[in-house]
């Protein structure tokens, strides 16, 4: 895909928006609208520029935010899961374990 300077500017604007708003889940359509680019161009261009897909970037950012909250706050796992956009704490726990090799509870115990 050939990206114009405008496309690159829009995709960088989308990344800045995501980075500044990790506390709330934003649908791809909303991010694309905010950045002024189509969803398809955003997804393909994001991968081309940053080397990972938009969903992967969003997920990785959420997991890193969760890790920080586990290590630096006394928030419950349920609160953390909701903070990063999970409706069901069990889904969050499974995703966290897949990413870090331990459940959030075990991580908190092992990393006081």
Protein backbone atom coordinates (compact mmCIF):
# COMPACT_ATOMS: atom_id res chain seq x y z
CA UNK A 1 0.00 0.00 0.00
CA UNK A 2 1.29 3.42 -0.93
CA UNK A 3 0.66 5.94 1.82
CA UNK A 4 0.50 9.64 1.14
CA UNK A 5 1.93 12.19 3.54
CA UNK A 6 -1.65 12.91 4.59
CA UNK A 7 -2.27 9.20 5.33
CA UNK A 8 0.87 9.04 7.44
CA UNK A 9 -0.15 12.17 9.33
CA UNK A 10 -3.62 10.69 9.99
CA UNK A 11 -2.22 7.36 11.15
CA UNK A 12 0.20 9.10 13.52
CA UNK A 13 -2.74 11.15 14.82
CA UNK A 14 -4.62 7.88 15.45
CA UNK A 15 -1.65 6.42 17.33
CA UNK A 16 -1.37 9.54 19.49
CA UNK A 17 -5.09 9.31 20.23
CA UNK A 18 -4.80 5.65 21.24
CA UNK A 19 -1.77 6.33 23.43
CA UNK A 20 -3.53 9.19 25.21
CA UNK A 21 -6.77 7.27 25.74
CA UNK A 22 -5.85 3.75 26.86
CA UNK A 23 -8.23 3.98 29.78
CA UNK A 24 -11.20 3.66 27.48
CA UNK A 25 -11.86 1.25 24.64
CA UNK A 26 -12.42 3.01 21.33
CA UNK A 27 -13.80 1.15 18.32
CA UNK A 28 -11.67 1.21 15.17
CA UNK A 29 -14.41 3.21 13.40
CA UNK A 30 -14.21 5.93 16.05
CA UNK A 31 -10.41 6.10 15.83
CA UNK A 32 -10.53 6.28 12.04
CA UNK A 33 -13.13 9.05 12.11
CA UNK A 34 -11.11 11.02 14.65
CA UNK A 35 -7.95 10.66 12.55
CA UNK A 36 -9.69 11.47 9.27
CA UNK A 37 -8.90 8.25 7.44
CA UNK A 38 -10.85 5.15 6.40
CA UNK A 39 -10.82 2.10 8.66
CA UNK A 40 -9.13 0.00 5.98
CA UNK A 41 -6.40 2.55 5.35
CA UNK A 42 -5.91 3.00 9.09
CA UNK A 43 -5.52 -0.73 9.74
CA UNK A 44 -3.26 -1.42 6.75
CA UNK A 45 -1.23 1.77 7.14
CA UNK A 46 -0.80 1.27 10.88
CA UNK A 47 0.74 -2.15 10.32
CA UNK A 48 2.98 -0.80 7.58
CA UNK A 49 4.24 2.13 9.66
CA UNK A 50 4.47 0.56 13.12
CA UNK A 51 5.10 -3.10 12.26
CA UNK A 52 2.08 -4.45 14.12
CA UNK A 53 -1.60 -4.49 13.50
CA UNK A 54 -3.92 -2.01 15.13
CA UNK A 55 -5.69 -4.67 17.18
CA UNK A 56 -2.34 -6.04 18.35
CA UNK A 57 -1.20 -2.54 19.31
CA UNK A 58 -4.43 -1.84 21.20
CA UNK A 59 -4.22 -5.18 23.02
CA UNK A 60 -0.55 -4.77 23.92
CA UNK A 61 -1.19 -1.28 25.27
CA UNK A 62 -4.08 -2.52 27.38
CA UNK A 63 -2.00 -5.38 28.80
CA UNK A 64 0.88 -3.04 29.69
CA UNK A 65 -1.58 -0.66 31.37
CA UNK A 66 -3.03 -3.60 33.33
CA UNK A 67 0.45 -4.68 34.39
CA UNK A 68 1.20 -1.18 35.64
CA UNK A 69 -2.07 -1.05 37.56
CA UNK A 70 -1.40 -4.44 39.14
CA UNK A 71 2.06 -3.40 40.27
CA UNK A 72 1.32 0.17 41.33
CA UNK A 73 -2.20 0.24 42.71
CA UNK A 74 -4.44 -1.70 45.05
CA UNK A 75 -7.26 -1.83 42.49
CA UNK A 76 -9.03 -5.15 42.29
CA UNK A 77 -8.56 -7.36 39.26
CA UNK A 78 -12.18 -6.68 38.37
CA UNK A 79 -11.58 -2.91 38.48
CA UNK A 80 -8.43 -3.27 36.37
CA UNK A 81 -10.22 -5.42 33.81
CA UNK A 82 -12.96 -2.79 33.44
CA UNK A 83 -10.42 0.05 33.32
CA UNK A 84 -8.72 -1.42 30.26
CA UNK A 85 -11.96 -2.25 28.49
CA UNK A 86 -12.86 -5.82 29.42
CA UNK A 87 -16.49 -6.44 30.33
CA UNK A 88 -15.72 -9.80 31.92
CA UNK A 89 -12.79 -10.23 34.33
CA UNK A 90 -12.39 -13.89 33.32
CA UNK A 91 -11.63 -12.85 29.74
CA UNK A 92 -9.11 -10.33 31.02
CA UNK A 93 -7.44 -12.96 33.23
CA UNK A 94 -7.14 -15.37 30.30
CA UNK A 95 -5.65 -12.67 28.04
CA UNK A 96 -3.25 -11.55 30.76
CA UNK A 97 -2.08 -15.11 31.38
CA UNK A 98 -1.58 -15.68 27.66
CA UNK A 99 0.54 -12.52 27.42
CA UNK A 100 2.56 -12.75 30.67
CA UNK A 101 2.42 -16.45 31.57
CA UNK A 102 0.67 -15.90 34.91
CA UNK A 103 -2.77 -14.87 36.04
CA UNK A 104 -3.09 -11.30 37.33
CA UNK A 105 -3.51 -12.62 40.87
CA UNK A 106 -0.36 -14.77 40.63
CA UNK A 107 1.54 -11.84 39.08
CA UNK A 108 0.57 -9.58 41.97
CA UNK A 109 1.70 -12.21 44.50
CA UNK A 110 5.04 -12.81 42.75
CA UNK A 111 5.76 -9.10 42.11
CA UNK A 112 4.85 -7.20 45.30
